[in-house]
Every structure is written in structure tokens, then in C-alpha cells.
Amino acid sequence: MKIAFIGLGNMGGGMAANLVKAGHEVHAFDLSADALAKAAENGCATYTAVPDAVKDAEAVVTMLPNGGIVKAVYTADVIGKAPAGALFLDCSTIDLATAREVAELATAAGYEMVDAPVSGGIAAANGGTLTFMVGGPAPTFEKAKVVLEPMAKAVILAGESGAGQVAKMCNNMLLAVHMIGTCEALALAEKAGLDPQKFYEISSKSTGYCWSLNDYTPAPGVGAASPADNGYAGGFASALMLKDLRLAMGGAETAGATVPMGEHATKIYEAFVEAGNGGKDFGAIFTTL
């Protein structure tokens, strides 16, 4: 299949490479010359303009920073430029209103589209083990699976258009709350005289079990390997977690949902990022305790 891939950042570069490995013909675009060079090394055909990348595509995958850019790219460079009947898959994490608006514009122009944000981080993007949360009509989802499965360990239909974005914002709000609680518990254990490694061994097999503790332990030298063991470099940047939390807060306001823990987590990450820590892994909250 001819697939245009727009956005080759930390996540998109690995995703596009896995599509090539699966035998697809990938036409890649990014504003970064370095990203394009790496994509070429991975077997992608590269382009310096989005319309050129999408002009012969059967499917278009986008992985972009925010909703404003997603809308601008689709309205100016994808809709009407990609062949009639092409399938659109937006894997960006954006606000629900924009996701639904872009899908409506695409559908009105005769295309099929799903929102398909991801969970798993850079390592999973490179390894082809992402989880895709997909929003869109069931028949379109079946077509989208062909494109998504080479990049995934799981591809799940969340519901109609926009449901993938709802799933992503709820998942990452929960992750932020878990991470802060995990950091607090590890710090408390140590200050109260318990070896943090012993706490890990106990809680990871008890009711404190969670991904942040068991698989991504935020204390250096304790439990599972994570960016904490590398000075909190790499991983999932705190600035990106804050972006996702703000999307969740916007979604909660629109839905009339009460999310006191989500609100508090947002304030904690806002203070952390404003202190100059936006590039550190989100587990670096541990260092504030």
C-alpha cells in the first residue's frame, strides 16, 4: 500500500520505519531535514511538501504536535490533494473538538478518516508495539487496522469519531496521577526508613501495583529500568504530559466532569515545567519530593 506519513518526530520516525518493514511504500514529509534524512535511511521516499507526499497515497498518516497544526495540514495540504477515497489516520494527540471537526471536513470531501492516538512512547514507536485507540466508523476501522497493525501491539476501536482522543486524554490523566502517587510513596518509604527497593518488591506484588511502579519505576536504581536510571533523559517529556493533562482538563470542562485529582496533577506538572524541567521524563517529579 502507498502510505503518506506526515510528521517524523520522536514518534513518527519509528512508526514510518515500521510501515516500511511491513512492505508498505511510505512517502514521508517533515519540516526537519535531519528527520527526512533518517527516514530515507529507513527506506522511505521523502518529500519537502505535503501535497507531493500525499498525491498518490492510498492512506495518509499524520503525527503532529497539536490540533491547530493538524487542522491546518489537512485543510491546506491533504484534503483535495490526496486521491479521492484515500484513508486518513490522525495519530496525533489533540483536542476532541478539532479531531471531530477535521473528520467532518474529510468526510464531507469524500474521504474516510479515523483518529488514532497512541500509547507506548518512543521505545514502543521504534519497536512496533504501540497501542492505538481508534475513533471512527467500524468499517473504516477495519481498513485502518491494515495500516496500524505493523506499528502496534494492540489496535482497539474506542467508538465513533473522537473516541480515540477521549480514551487518550483519560488514559494519560490516569497515568499522571499514578506517577505522582508512585513517586510520593517511594519517597515516603525511604524517609520513613524503608529501603525503596524493598518497598518496590512488596508494593509491586500488592495492591499498589501499577505501570508507573512496576514497569517504569521513577526512582534511580530501584525496580524496573526507566529514564530515572539515565538522569531522567529520554522517555515521555514532562512538557508533553502537561500538554495531555491540559487537553484532559479542557475535555472535563466541556463534559461537565469533576476531576479533582486530574486538576491537582495538572498544577504539579505546570509548576515542574515552569521551573525548567519540561524536557525531563515525567517520572522526574520524584526529584521534587
C-alpha atoms as a PDB file:
ATOM      1  CA  MET A   1       0.000   0.000   0.000  1.00  0.00           C
ATOM      2  CA  LYS A   2       1.184   3.568  -0.710  1.00  0.00           C
ATOM      3  CA  ILE A   3       1.132   5.439   2.587  1.00  0.00           C
ATOM      4  CA  ALA A   4       1.979   9.098   3.099  1.00  0.00           C
ATOM      5  CA  PHE A   5       3.413   9.759   6.566  1.00  0.00           C
ATOM      6  CA  ILE A   6       3.345  13.379   7.732  1.00  0.00           C
ATOM      7  CA  GLY A   7       5.367  14.185  10.859  1.00  0.00           C
ATOM      8  CA  LEU A   8       8.602  12.317  11.578  1.00  0.00           C
ATOM      9  CA  GLY A   9       9.410  13.431  15.111  1.00  0.00           C
ATOM     10  CA  ASN A  10      10.391  11.226  18.042  1.00  0.00           C
ATOM     11  CA  MET A  11       7.344   9.033  17.499  1.00  0.00           C
ATOM     12  CA  GLY A  12       6.639   9.373  13.793  1.00  0.00           C
ATOM     13  CA  GLY A  13      10.093   8.407  12.582  1.00  0.00           C
ATOM     14  CA  GLY A  14       9.946   4.966  14.156  1.00  0.00           C
ATOM     15  CA  MET A  15       6.336   4.462  13.111  1.00  0.00           C
ATOM     16  CA  ALA A  16       7.110   5.205   9.471  1.00  0.00           C
ATOM     17  CA  ALA A  17      10.090   2.848   9.571  1.00  0.00           C
ATOM     18  CA  ASN A  18       7.882   0.010  10.790  1.00  0.00           C
ATOM     19  CA  LEU A  19       5.468   0.567   7.913  1.00  0.00           C
ATOM     20  CA  VAL A  20       8.390   0.181   5.520  1.00  0.00           C
ATOM     21  CA  LYS A  21       9.435  -3.034   7.290  1.00  0.00           C
ATOM     22  CA  ALA A  22       5.904  -4.348   6.759  1.00  0.00           C
ATOM     23  CA  GLY A  23       6.268  -3.889   2.988  1.00  0.00           C
ATOM     24  CA  HIS A  24       4.383  -0.642   2.515  1.00  0.00           C
ATOM     25  CA  GLU A  25       5.620   2.123   0.215  1.00  0.00           C
ATOM     26  CA  VAL A  26       5.994   5.099   2.527  1.00  0.00           C
ATOM     27  CA  HIS A  27       6.098   8.689   1.252  1.00  0.00           C
ATOM     28  CA  ALA A  28       7.374  10.785   4.151  1.00  0.00           C
ATOM     29  CA  PHE A  29       7.296  14.505   4.954  1.00  0.00           C
ATOM     30  CA  ASP A  30       8.714  16.572   7.789  1.00  0.00           C
ATOM     31  CA  LEU A  31       9.975  20.130   8.163  1.00  0.00           C
ATOM     32  CA  SER A  32      13.245  18.789   9.568  1.00  0.00           C
ATOM     33  CA  ALA A  33      15.958  17.897   7.051  1.00  0.00           C
ATOM     34  CA  ASP A  34      17.532  15.573   9.620  1.00  0.00           C
ATOM     35  CA  ALA A  35      14.246  13.722  10.106  1.00  0.00           C
ATOM     36  CA  LEU A  36      13.857  13.336   6.356  1.00  0.00           C
ATOM     37  CA  ALA A  37      17.421  12.021   6.038  1.00  0.00           C
ATOM     38  CA  LYS A  38      16.789   9.420   8.722  1.00  0.00           C
ATOM     39  CA  ALA A  39      13.513   8.425   7.056  1.00  0.00           C
ATOM     40  CA  ALA A  40      15.357   7.944   3.772  1.00  0.00           C
ATOM     41  CA  GLU A  41      17.866   5.692   5.553  1.00  0.00           C
ATOM     42  CA  ASN A  42      14.909   3.655   6.819  1.00  0.00           C
ATOM     43  CA  GLY A  43      13.557   3.154   3.305  1.00  0.00           C
ATOM     44  CA  CYS A  44      11.029   5.959   2.959  1.00  0.00           C
ATOM     45  CA  ALA A  45      10.679   8.136  -0.121  1.00  0.00           C
ATOM     46  CA  THR A  46      10.988  11.706   1.183  1.00  0.00           C
ATOM     47  CA  TYR A  47       9.277  14.931   0.170  1.00  0.00           C
ATOM     48  CA  THR A  48       9.645  18.596   1.102  1.00  0.00           C
ATOM     49  CA  ALA A  49       5.969  19.462   0.519  1.00  0.00           C
ATOM     50  CA  VAL A  50       2.910  17.703   1.940  1.00  0.00           C
ATOM     51  CA  PRO A  51       0.847  17.797  -1.306  1.00  0.00           C
ATOM     52  CA  ASP A  52       3.652  15.980  -3.111  1.00  0.00           C
ATOM     53  CA  ALA A  53       3.811  13.300  -0.418  1.00  0.00           C
ATOM     54  CA  VAL A  54       0.056  12.615  -0.465  1.00  0.00           C
ATOM     55  CA  LYS A  55      -0.733  12.939  -4.183  1.00  0.00           C
ATOM     56  CA  ASP A  56      -0.640   9.184  -4.926  1.00  0.00           C
ATOM     57  CA  ALA A  57      -1.344   7.878  -1.417  1.00  0.00           C
ATOM     58  CA  GLU A  58      -3.937   5.244  -0.600  1.00  0.00           C
ATOM     59  CA  ALA A  59      -3.640   6.203   3.076  1.00  0.00           C
ATOM     60  CA  VAL A  60      -2.326   9.280   4.899  1.00  0.00           C
ATOM     61  CA  VAL A  61      -0.973   9.032   8.453  1.00  0.00           C
ATOM     62  CA  THR A  62      -0.324  12.204  10.446  1.00  0.00           C
ATOM     63  CA  MET A  63       1.667  12.517  13.678  1.00  0.00           C
ATOM     64  CA  LEU A  64       1.692  16.226  14.526  1.00  0.00           C
ATOM     65  CA  PRO A  65       2.200  18.400  17.630  1.00  0.00           C
ATOM     66  CA  ASN A  66      -1.230  19.945  18.194  1.00  0.00           C
ATOM     67  CA  GLY A  67      -4.745  20.451  16.915  1.00  0.00           C
ATOM     68  CA  GLY A  68      -4.036  23.747  15.175  1.00  0.00           C
ATOM     69  CA  ILE A  69      -1.320  22.166  13.053  1.00  0.00           C
ATOM     70  CA  VAL A  70      -3.438  19.085  12.342  1.00  0.00           C
ATOM     71  CA  LYS A  71      -6.318  21.236  11.075  1.00  0.00           C
ATOM     72  CA  ALA A  72      -4.013  23.442   9.006  1.00  0.00           C
ATOM     73  CA  VAL A  73      -2.252  20.496   7.363  1.00  0.00           C
ATOM     74  CA  TYR A  74      -5.465  18.672   6.474  1.00  0.00           C
ATOM     75  CA  THR A  75      -7.360  21.707   5.194  1.00  0.00           C
ATOM     76  CA  ALA A  76      -4.472  23.209   3.207  1.00  0.00           C
ATOM     77  CA  ASP A  77      -2.394  20.245   2.099  1.00  0.00           C
ATOM     78  CA  VAL A  78      -4.223  16.917   2.414  1.00  0.00           C
ATOM     79  CA  ILE A  79      -7.949  17.282   1.728  1.00  0.00           C
ATOM     80  CA  GLY A  80      -8.318  17.757  -2.018  1.00  0.00           C
ATOM     81  CA  LYS A  81      -4.665  16.892  -2.622  1.00  0.00           C
ATOM     82  CA  ALA A  82      -4.799  13.182  -1.730  1.00  0.00           C
ATOM     83  CA  PRO A  83      -6.599  10.903  -4.229  1.00  0.00           C
ATOM     84  CA  ALA A  84     -10.363  10.532  -3.899  1.00  0.00           C
ATOM     85  CA  GLY A  85     -11.265   7.795  -1.450  1.00  0.00           C
ATOM     86  CA  ALA A  86      -7.939   7.828   0.408  1.00  0.00           C
ATOM     87  CA  LEU A  87      -7.995   6.787   4.060  1.00  0.00           C
ATOM     88  CA  PHE A  88      -6.852   9.356   6.643  1.00  0.00           C
ATOM     89  CA  LEU A  89      -5.443   8.350  10.043  1.00  0.00           C
ATOM     90  CA  ASP A  90      -4.524  11.076  12.508  1.00  0.00           C
ATOM     91  CA  CYS A  91      -2.319   9.626  15.246  1.00  0.00           C
ATOM     92  CA  SER A  92      -1.653  12.992  16.916  1.00  0.00           C
ATOM     93  CA  THR A  93      -2.879  13.710  20.434  1.00  0.00           C
ATOM     94  CA  ILE A  94      -5.179  16.729  20.053  1.00  0.00           C
ATOM     95  CA  ASP A  95      -8.349  18.251  21.461  1.00  0.00           C
ATOM     96  CA  LEU A  96     -11.617  16.452  20.847  1.00  0.00           C
ATOM     97  CA  ALA A  97     -13.359  19.346  19.067  1.00  0.00           C
ATOM     98  CA  THR A  98     -10.621  19.670  16.446  1.00  0.00           C
ATOM     99  CA  ALA A  99     -10.453  15.907  15.914  1.00  0.00           C
ATOM    100  CA  ARG A 100     -14.165  15.784  15.155  1.00  0.00           C
ATOM    101  CA  GLU A 101     -14.073  18.929  13.010  1.00  0.00           C
ATOM    102  CA  VAL A 102     -11.263  17.617  10.803  1.00  0.00           C
ATOM    103  CA  ALA A 103     -13.017  14.254  10.444  1.00  0.00           C
ATOM    104  CA  GLU A 104     -16.205  16.017   9.374  1.00  0.00           C
ATOM    105  CA  LEU A 105     -14.310  18.082   6.806  1.00  0.00           C
ATOM    106  CA  ALA A 106     -12.610  14.974   5.432  1.00  0.00           C
ATOM    107  CA  THR A 107     -15.855  13.015   5.269  1.00  0.00           C
ATOM    108  CA  ALA A 108     -17.650  15.886   3.522  1.00  0.00           C
ATOM    109  CA  ALA A 109     -14.899  15.858   0.900  1.00  0.00           C
ATOM    110  CA  GLY A 110     -15.378  12.150   0.226  1.00  0.00           C
ATOM    111  CA  TYR A 111     -12.616  10.656   2.371  1.00  0.00           C
ATOM    112  CA  GLU A 112     -12.704   8.183   5.261  1.00  0.00           C
ATOM    113  CA  MET A 113     -10.955   9.135   8.491  1.00  0.00           C
ATOM    114  CA  VAL A 114     -10.160   7.872  11.976  1.00  0.00           C
ATOM    115  CA  ASP A 115      -8.492   9.482  14.964  1.00  0.00           C
ATOM    116  CA  ALA A 116      -5.906   7.038  16.308  1.00  0.00           C
ATOM    117  CA  PRO A 117      -3.767   8.474  19.127  1.00  0.00           C
ATOM    118  CA  VAL A 118      -1.170   6.183  20.639  1.00  0.00           C
ATOM    119  CA  SER A 119       0.189   4.973  23.951  1.00  0.00           C
ATOM    120  CA  GLY A 120       3.620   3.493  24.479  1.00  0.00           C
ATOM    121  CA  GLY A 121       6.270   6.154  23.980  1.00  0.00           C
ATOM    122  CA  ILE A 122       9.360   6.344  21.815  1.00  0.00           C
ATOM    123  CA  ALA A 123      10.600   2.810  22.527  1.00  0.00           C
ATOM    124  CA  ALA A 124       7.244   1.344  21.508  1.00  0.00           C
ATOM    125  CA  ALA A 125       7.138   3.534  18.383  1.00  0.00           C
ATOM    126  CA  ASN A 126      10.536   2.197  17.354  1.00  0.00           C
ATOM    127  CA  GLY A 127       9.671  -1.362  18.314  1.00  0.00           C
ATOM    128  CA  GLY A 128       6.246  -1.501  16.658  1.00  0.00           C
ATOM    129  CA  THR A 129       4.487  -2.130  19.982  1.00  0.00           C
ATOM    130  CA  LEU A 130       2.222   0.907  20.323  1.00  0.00           C
ATOM    131  CA  THR A 131      -1.388   0.756  21.472  1.00  0.00           C
ATOM    132  CA  PHE A 132      -3.745   2.613  19.122  1.00  0.00           C
ATOM    133  CA  MET A 133      -7.036   3.992  20.477  1.00  0.00           C
ATOM    134  CA  VAL A 134      -9.209   4.493  17.411  1.00  0.00           C
ATOM    135  CA  GLY A 135     -12.281   6.610  16.868  1.00  0.00           C
ATOM    136  CA  GLY A 136     -14.370   6.285  13.731  1.00  0.00           C
ATOM    137  CA  PRO A 137     -16.984   4.136  11.948  1.00  0.00           C
ATOM    138  CA  ALA A 138     -16.473   0.381  12.335  1.00  0.00           C
ATOM    139  CA  PRO A 139     -15.993  -0.265   8.580  1.00  0.00           C
ATOM    140  CA  THR A 140     -13.328   2.458   8.418  1.00  0.00           C
ATOM    141  CA  PHE A 141     -11.650   0.977  11.487  1.00  0.00           C
ATOM    142  CA  GLU A 142     -11.276  -2.365   9.688  1.00  0.00           C
ATOM    143  CA  LYS A 143      -9.461  -0.606   6.843  1.00  0.00           C
ATOM    144  CA  ALA A 144      -7.343   1.376   9.281  1.00  0.00           C
ATOM    145  CA  LYS A 145      -6.160  -1.783  11.063  1.00  0.00           C
ATOM    146  CA  VAL A 146      -4.180  -2.797   7.970  1.00  0.00           C
ATOM    147  CA  VAL A 147      -2.150   0.396   8.303  1.00  0.00           C
ATOM    148  CA  LEU A 148      -1.884   0.436  12.087  1.00  0.00           C
ATOM    149  CA  GLU A 149      -1.068  -3.182  12.905  1.00  0.00           C
ATOM    150  CA  PRO A 150       2.587  -3.107  11.729  1.00  0.00           C
ATOM    151  CA  MET A 151       3.170  -0.352  14.306  1.00  0.00           C
ATOM    152  CA  ALA A 152       1.178  -1.908  17.136  1.00  0.00           C
ATOM    153  CA  LYS A 153       0.798  -4.468  19.855  1.00  0.00           C
ATOM    154  CA  ALA A 154      -2.892  -3.525  20.108  1.00  0.00           C
ATOM    155  CA  VAL A 155      -5.368  -1.677  17.878  1.00  0.00           C
ATOM    156  CA  ILE A 156      -8.656  -1.008  19.676  1.00  0.00           C
ATOM    157  CA  LEU A 157     -11.836   0.628  18.385  1.00  0.00           C
ATOM    158  CA  ALA A 158     -12.889   3.044  21.135  1.00  0.00           C
ATOM    159  CA  GLY A 159     -16.059   4.257  19.428  1.00  0.00           C
ATOM    160  CA  GLU A 160     -17.188   6.819  16.890  1.00  0.00           C
ATOM    161  CA  SER A 161     -15.176   9.816  15.683  1.00  0.00           C
ATOM    162  CA  GLY A 162     -13.253  11.456  18.523  1.00  0.00           C
ATOM    163  CA  ALA A 163     -13.476   8.466  20.860  1.00  0.00           C
ATOM    164  CA  GLY A 164      -9.795   7.723  20.398  1.00  0.00           C
ATOM    165  CA  GLN A 165      -8.914  11.188  21.700  1.00  0.00           C
ATOM    166  CA  VAL A 166     -11.236  10.725  24.686  1.00  0.00           C
ATOM    167  CA  ALA A 167      -9.524   7.434  25.516  1.00  0.00           C
ATOM    168  CA  LYS A 168      -6.078   9.020  25.223  1.00  0.00           C
ATOM    169  CA  MET A 169      -6.819  12.003  27.450  1.00  0.00           C
ATOM    170  CA  CYS A 170      -8.389   9.792  30.135  1.00  0.00           C
ATOM    171  CA  ASN A 171      -5.525   7.285  29.967  1.00  0.00           C
ATOM    172  CA  ASN A 172      -2.831   9.930  30.333  1.00  0.00           C
ATOM    173  CA  MET A 173      -4.631  11.730  33.129  1.00  0.00           C
ATOM    174  CA  LEU A 174      -4.720   8.424  34.996  1.00  0.00           C
ATOM    175  CA  LEU A 175      -1.039   7.846  34.200  1.00  0.00           C
ATOM    176  CA  ALA A 176      -0.078  11.273  35.597  1.00  0.00           C
ATOM    177  CA  VAL A 177      -1.996  10.620  38.814  1.00  0.00           C
ATOM    178  CA  HIS A 178      -0.397   7.173  39.163  1.00  0.00           C
ATOM    179  CA  MET A 179       3.083   8.555  38.585  1.00  0.00           C
ATOM    180  CA  ILE A 180       2.759  11.282  41.194  1.00  0.00           C
ATOM    181  CA  GLY A 181       1.382   8.799  43.729  1.00  0.00           C
ATOM    182  CA  THR A 182       4.161   6.322  42.936  1.00  0.00           C
ATOM    183  CA  CYS A 183       6.818   8.997  43.449  1.00  0.00           C
ATOM    184  CA  GLU A 184       5.267  10.078  46.745  1.00  0.00           C
ATOM    185  CA  ALA A 185       5.103   6.507  48.051  1.00  0.00           C
ATOM    186  CA  LEU A 186       8.718   5.749  47.115  1.00  0.00           C
ATOM    187  CA  ALA A 187       9.925   8.980  48.754  1.00  0.00           C
ATOM    188  CA  LEU A 188       7.856   8.352  51.886  1.00  0.00           C
ATOM    189  CA  ALA A 189       9.158   4.794  52.208  1.00  0.00           C
ATOM    190  CA  GLU A 190      12.760   5.984  52.102  1.00  0.00           C
ATOM    191  CA  LYS A 191      12.262   8.878  54.521  1.00  0.00           C
ATOM    192  CA  ALA A 192      10.428   6.595  56.947  1.00  0.00           C
ATOM    193  CA  GLY A 193      13.364   4.183  56.971  1.00  0.00           C
ATOM    194  CA  LEU A 194      12.298   1.522  54.471  1.00  0.00           C
ATOM    195  CA  ASP A 195      14.668   0.562  51.663  1.00  0.00           C
ATOM    196  CA  PRO A 196      12.930   1.792  48.464  1.00  0.00           C
ATOM    197  CA  GLN A 197      13.908  -1.435  46.688  1.00  0.00           C
ATOM    198  CA  LYS A 198      12.177  -3.440  49.412  1.00  0.00           C
ATOM    199  CA  PHE A 199       9.126  -1.215  49.078  1.00  0.00           C
ATOM    200  CA  TYR A 200       9.169  -1.852  45.327  1.00  0.00           C
ATOM    201  CA  GLU A 201       9.403  -5.627  45.858  1.00  0.00           C
ATOM    202  CA  ILE A 202       6.441  -5.538  48.243  1.00  0.00           C
ATOM    203  CA  SER A 203       4.122  -2.996  46.601  1.00  0.00           C
ATOM    204  CA  SER A 204       4.704  -4.277  43.069  1.00  0.00           C
ATOM    205  CA  LYS A 205       3.200  -7.571  44.223  1.00  0.00           C
ATOM    206  CA  SER A 206       0.492  -5.981  46.344  1.00  0.00           C
ATOM    207  CA  THR A 207      -2.427  -3.625  45.828  1.00  0.00           C
ATOM    208  CA  GLY A 208      -0.057  -0.761  44.948  1.00  0.00           C
ATOM    209  CA  TYR A 209       0.673  -2.483  41.637  1.00  0.00           C
ATOM    210  CA  CYS A 210       0.583  -0.070  38.695  1.00  0.00           C
ATOM    211  CA  TRP A 211       2.536   0.519  35.487  1.00  0.00           C
ATOM    212  CA  SER A 212       4.371   3.540  36.906  1.00  0.00           C
ATOM    213  CA  LEU A 213       5.745   1.419  39.755  1.00  0.00           C
ATOM    214  CA  ASN A 214       6.132  -2.000  38.166  1.00  0.00           C
ATOM    215  CA  ASP A 215       7.325  -1.164  34.658  1.00  0.00           C
ATOM    216  CA  TYR A 216       8.674   2.416  34.811  1.00  0.00           C
ATOM    217  CA  THR A 217       9.950   2.878  38.356  1.00  0.00           C
ATOM    218  CA  PRO A 218      10.737   6.603  38.788  1.00  0.00           C
ATOM    219  CA  ALA A 219      13.406   6.223  41.497  1.00  0.00           C
ATOM    220  CA  PRO A 220      17.013   5.738  40.278  1.00  0.00           C
ATOM    221  CA  GLY A 221      18.375   2.268  40.877  1.00  0.00           C
ATOM    222  CA  VAL A 222      15.066   0.898  42.108  1.00  0.00           C
ATOM    223  CA  GLY A 223      12.788  -1.629  40.433  1.00  0.00           C
ATOM    224  CA  ALA A 224      12.349  -1.643  36.682  1.00  0.00           C
ATOM    225  CA  ALA A 225      14.768   0.204  34.404  1.00  0.00           C
ATOM    226  CA  SER A 226      13.467   3.602  33.317  1.00  0.00           C
ATOM    227  CA  PRO A 227      14.709   7.083  32.372  1.00  0.00           C
ATOM    228  CA  ALA A 228      15.292   7.599  36.115  1.00  0.00           C
ATOM    229  CA  ASP A 229      18.419   5.492  35.658  1.00  0.00           C
ATOM    230  CA  ASN A 230      19.662   7.908  32.984  1.00  0.00           C
ATOM    231  CA  GLY A 231      19.162  11.238  34.712  1.00  0.00           C
ATOM    232  CA  TYR A 232      15.535  11.321  33.508  1.00  0.00           C
ATOM    233  CA  ALA A 233      16.678  11.804  29.925  1.00  0.00           C
ATOM    234  CA  GLY A 234      14.518  10.395  27.135  1.00  0.00           C
ATOM    235  CA  GLY A 235      11.188   8.747  27.881  1.00  0.00           C
ATOM    236  CA  PHE A 236       7.999  10.840  27.952  1.00  0.00           C
ATOM    237  CA  ALA A 237       8.801  14.522  28.402  1.00  0.00           C
ATOM    238  CA  SER A 238       7.070  16.338  31.245  1.00  0.00           C
ATOM    239  CA  ALA A 239       6.052  19.100  28.822  1.00  0.00           C
ATOM    240  CA  LEU A 240       4.149  16.522  26.773  1.00  0.00           C
ATOM    241  CA  MET A 241       2.464  15.134  29.871  1.00  0.00           C
ATOM    242  CA  LEU A 242       1.399  18.671  30.749  1.00  0.00           C
ATOM    243  CA  LYS A 243       0.023  19.130  27.237  1.00  0.00           C
ATOM    244  CA  ASP A 244      -2.044  15.953  27.622  1.00  0.00           C
ATOM    245  CA  LEU A 245      -3.264  16.955  31.074  1.00  0.00           C
ATOM    246  CA  ARG A 246      -4.422  20.310  29.733  1.00  0.00           C
ATOM    247  CA  LEU A 247      -6.323  18.512  26.983  1.00  0.00           C
ATOM    248  CA  ALA A 248      -7.953  16.369  29.669  1.00  0.00           C
ATOM    249  CA  MET A 249      -8.878  19.428  31.717  1.00  0.00           C
ATOM    250  CA  GLY A 250     -10.450  21.005  28.644  1.00  0.00           C
ATOM    251  CA  GLY A 251     -12.319  17.803  27.946  1.00  0.00           C
ATOM    252  CA  ALA A 252     -13.524  17.605  31.533  1.00  0.00           C
ATOM    253  CA  GLU A 253     -14.817  21.167  31.416  1.00  0.00           C
ATOM    254  CA  THR A 254     -16.695  20.508  28.183  1.00  0.00           C
ATOM    255  CA  ALA A 255     -18.173  17.275  29.517  1.00  0.00           C
ATOM    256  CA  GLY A 256     -19.031  18.713  32.930  1.00  0.00           C
ATOM    257  CA  ALA A 257     -16.866  16.079  34.645  1.00  0.00           C
ATOM    258  CA  THR A 258     -15.351  16.532  38.096  1.00  0.00           C
ATOM    259  CA  VAL A 259     -11.648  15.593  38.127  1.00  0.00           C
ATOM    260  CA  PRO A 260     -10.013  16.901  41.323  1.00  0.00           C
ATOM    261  CA  MET A 261      -7.021  14.538  41.110  1.00  0.00           C
ATOM    262  CA  GLY A 262      -6.533  15.441  37.453  1.00  0.00           C
ATOM    263  CA  GLU A 263      -6.651  19.134  38.316  1.00  0.00           C
ATOM    264  CA  HIS A 264      -4.071  18.705  41.070  1.00  0.00           C
ATOM    265  CA  ALA A 265      -1.800  16.634  38.815  1.00  0.00           C
ATOM    266  CA  THR A 266      -2.004  19.402  36.209  1.00  0.00           C
ATOM    267  CA  LYS A 267      -0.915  22.026  38.753  1.00  0.00           C
ATOM    268  CA  ILE A 268       2.019  19.847  39.850  1.00  0.00           C
ATOM    269  CA  TYR A 269       3.252  19.350  36.279  1.00  0.00           C
ATOM    270  CA  GLU A 270       2.673  23.030  35.452  1.00  0.00           C
ATOM    271  CA  ALA A 271       4.966  24.063  38.310  1.00  0.00           C
ATOM    272  CA  PHE A 272       7.549  21.443  37.320  1.00  0.00           C
ATOM    273  CA  VAL A 273       7.633  22.508  33.676  1.00  0.00           C
ATOM    274  CA  GLU A 274       7.664  26.214  34.522  1.00  0.00           C
ATOM    275  CA  ALA A 275      10.746  25.539  36.671  1.00  0.00           C
ATOM    276  CA  GLY A 276      12.594  24.490  33.517  1.00  0.00           C
ATOM    277  CA  ASN A 277      12.041  20.742  33.619  1.00  0.00           C
ATOM    278  CA  GLY A 278       9.869  20.315  30.531  1.00  0.00           C
ATOM    279  CA  GLY A 279      12.449  18.193  28.723  1.00  0.00           C
ATOM    280  CA  LYS A 280      12.865  15.713  31.571  1.00  0.00           C
ATOM    281  CA  ASP A 281      10.912  12.465  31.709  1.00  0.00           C
ATOM    282  CA  PHE A 282       7.634  12.835  33.584  1.00  0.00           C
ATOM    283  CA  GLY A 283       8.904  10.481  36.301  1.00  0.00           C
ATOM    284  CA  ALA A 284      11.337  13.208  37.314  1.00  0.00           C
ATOM    285  CA  ILE A 285       8.557  14.520  39.565  1.00  0.00           C
ATOM    286  CA  PHE A 286      10.294  12.175  42.048  1.00  0.00           C
ATOM    287  CA  THR A 287      13.129  14.697  42.339  1.00  0.00           C
ATOM    288  CA  THR A 288      10.775  17.301  43.828  1.00  0.00           C
ATOM    289  CA  LEU A 289       9.978  15.119  46.832  1.00  0.00           C
END
